[in-house]
Amino acid sequence: EVQLVESGGGSVHVGGSLRLSCAASGFNLAAADMAWFRHIPGNECELVASISEDGNIDYDESVEGRFTISQDSAKKMMYLQMTALKPDDTAVYYCAADLGNSQILTDSNFACFAQRYEYNYWGQGTQVTVSS
């Protein structure tokens, strides 16, 4: 069974750092497109960073230069190293995978439901809070 489990969230002060981890199981990370999303209540789910199966990496402009996405396919882990954190980074962060199959998220209450066709597997989320 495909599973994604995030960890590493917490509360930090402005300028602090956190490293989020996503433990994957049930599939080969090297054959999947992976991404980190974040959601703030009342806002749309935002793509933070992605890394494709071909190794292409993209960042949202708001985090470029501060966040680093990486993965270790052998360990079935994906990471998001976050530095110089700002209050605007406060959100629930989700690990997502696109396996290129026909499975689609069906929970319409899920925060990133609108992105279900781009990434069809999701973790439960981990809270990041950045305070002044």
Protein backbone atom coordinates (compact mmCIF):
# COMPACT_ATOMS: atom_id res chain seq x y z
CA GLU A 1 0.00 0.00 0.00
CA VAL A 2 1.27 3.46 -0.88
CA GLN A 3 1.84 5.61 2.18
CA LEU A 4 3.40 8.99 2.86
CA VAL A 5 4.13 10.11 6.41
CA GLU A 6 5.43 13.59 7.20
CA SER A 7 7.37 14.54 10.28
CA GLY A 8 9.62 17.32 11.52
CA GLY A 9 7.14 20.12 11.92
CA GLY A 10 7.08 22.33 14.97
CA SER A 11 7.23 25.87 16.28
CA VAL A 12 10.17 28.17 15.64
CA HIS A 13 10.94 31.86 15.78
CA VAL A 14 11.47 34.06 12.76
CA GLY A 15 14.76 33.20 11.09
CA GLY A 16 14.81 29.67 12.42
CA SER A 17 15.15 26.41 10.56
CA LEU A 18 13.27 23.15 10.32
CA ARG A 19 13.77 19.99 8.31
CA LEU A 20 10.65 18.18 7.21
CA SER A 21 10.80 14.51 6.33
CA CYS A 22 8.48 12.36 4.26
CA ALA A 23 8.74 8.62 4.70
CA ALA A 24 7.40 6.77 1.68
CA SER A 25 6.38 3.17 1.30
CA GLY A 26 4.76 1.01 -1.32
CA PHE A 27 6.45 2.58 -4.35
CA ASN A 28 9.75 3.57 -5.90
CA LEU A 29 10.59 7.24 -5.31
CA ALA A 30 12.88 7.22 -8.33
CA ALA A 31 9.87 6.51 -10.54
CA ALA A 32 7.63 9.20 -9.06
CA ASP A 33 7.22 12.95 -9.10
CA MET A 34 7.38 14.24 -5.54
CA ALA A 35 6.39 17.54 -4.00
CA TRP A 36 5.80 19.55 -0.86
CA PHE A 37 2.62 21.60 -0.54
CA ARG A 38 1.43 23.86 2.23
CA HIS A 39 -1.98 25.04 3.29
CA ILE A 40 -3.18 27.95 5.38
CA PRO A 41 -6.85 27.88 6.45
CA GLY A 42 -8.93 29.99 4.08
CA ASN A 43 -6.29 29.89 1.35
CA GLU A 44 -5.64 27.62 -1.59
CA CYS A 45 -3.14 24.83 -1.28
CA GLU A 46 0.26 26.08 -2.46
CA LEU A 47 2.98 24.13 -4.22
CA VAL A 48 6.17 24.84 -2.29
CA ALA A 49 8.71 22.67 -4.08
CA SER A 50 8.79 19.69 -6.39
CA ILE A 51 11.29 17.17 -7.66
CA SER A 52 10.43 15.08 -10.69
CA GLU A 53 11.47 11.53 -11.45
CA ASP A 54 13.92 13.06 -13.94
CA GLY A 55 15.50 15.12 -11.16
CA ASN A 56 14.07 18.50 -12.15
CA ILE A 57 13.50 20.76 -9.14
CA ASP A 58 11.20 23.75 -8.91
CA TYR A 59 10.44 26.14 -6.05
CA ASP A 60 7.73 28.62 -5.38
CA GLU A 61 9.15 32.13 -5.60
CA SER A 62 8.28 32.76 -1.97
CA VAL A 63 10.69 30.07 -0.75
CA GLU A 64 13.40 30.06 -3.42
CA GLY A 65 16.79 30.54 -1.82
CA ARG A 66 15.49 29.55 1.60
CA PHE A 67 14.10 26.03 1.14
CA THR A 68 15.78 22.97 -0.32
CA ILE A 69 13.96 19.87 -1.51
CA SER A 70 15.81 16.58 -1.75
CA GLN A 71 15.20 12.87 -1.69
CA ASP A 72 16.98 9.63 -1.04
CA SER A 73 15.33 7.00 -3.18
CA ALA A 74 17.25 4.14 -1.59
CA LYS A 75 15.95 5.15 1.85
CA LYS A 76 12.52 6.05 0.44
CA MET A 77 12.70 9.49 2.04
CA MET A 78 12.02 13.01 0.83
CA TYR A 79 13.06 16.12 2.72
CA LEU A 80 12.39 19.83 2.84
CA GLN A 81 15.11 21.84 4.54
CA MET A 82 13.64 25.18 5.54
CA THR A 83 15.79 28.11 6.62
CA ALA A 84 15.22 31.80 7.30
CA LEU A 85 11.64 31.00 8.22
CA LYS A 86 9.05 33.75 8.16
CA PRO A 87 5.61 34.02 9.77
CA ASP A 88 4.12 33.65 6.27
CA ASP A 89 5.62 30.15 6.16
CA THR A 90 3.22 29.08 8.90
CA ALA A 91 1.05 26.34 7.44
CA VAL A 92 0.35 22.65 7.37
CA TYR A 93 2.91 21.07 5.06
CA TYR A 94 2.00 18.04 2.98
CA CYS A 95 4.12 15.48 1.22
CA ALA A 96 2.71 14.44 -2.16
CA ALA A 97 3.54 11.90 -4.85
CA ASP A 98 2.44 11.45 -8.44
CA LEU A 99 2.82 7.83 -9.40
CA GLY A 100 1.36 8.25 -12.86
CA ASN A 101 -1.46 5.81 -12.22
CA SER A 102 -5.23 6.16 -12.16
CA GLN A 103 -5.71 6.48 -8.40
CA ILE A 104 -7.29 9.79 -7.37
CA LEU A 105 -7.85 11.28 -3.94
CA THR A 106 -11.56 11.12 -3.15
CA ASP A 107 -11.81 13.11 0.10
CA SER A 108 -13.30 16.45 -0.97
CA ASN A 109 -12.51 17.92 2.46
CA PHE A 110 -8.78 17.43 2.02
CA ALA A 111 -6.95 20.76 1.97
CA CYS A 112 -5.25 20.08 -1.38
CA PHE A 113 -8.17 18.38 -3.07
CA ALA A 114 -7.84 20.75 -6.04
CA GLN A 115 -4.38 19.32 -6.78
CA ARG A 116 -5.53 15.69 -6.74
CA TYR A 117 -4.97 15.22 -10.49
CA GLU A 118 -1.39 16.47 -10.37
CA TYR A 119 -0.39 14.50 -7.27
CA ASN A 120 -2.53 11.55 -6.36
CA TYR A 121 -1.01 10.41 -3.06
CA TRP A 122 -0.72 12.57 0.03
CA GLY A 123 0.49 12.43 3.59
CA GLN A 124 -1.42 13.55 6.64
CA GLY A 125 0.43 16.83 6.99
CA THR A 126 2.72 18.35 9.59
CA GLN A 127 2.23 21.73 11.22
CA VAL A 128 4.88 24.43 10.92
CA THR A 129 4.43 27.55 13.03
CA VAL A 130 6.76 30.53 12.78
CA SER A 131 6.32 33.22 15.39
CA SER A 132 7.74 36.69 15.82
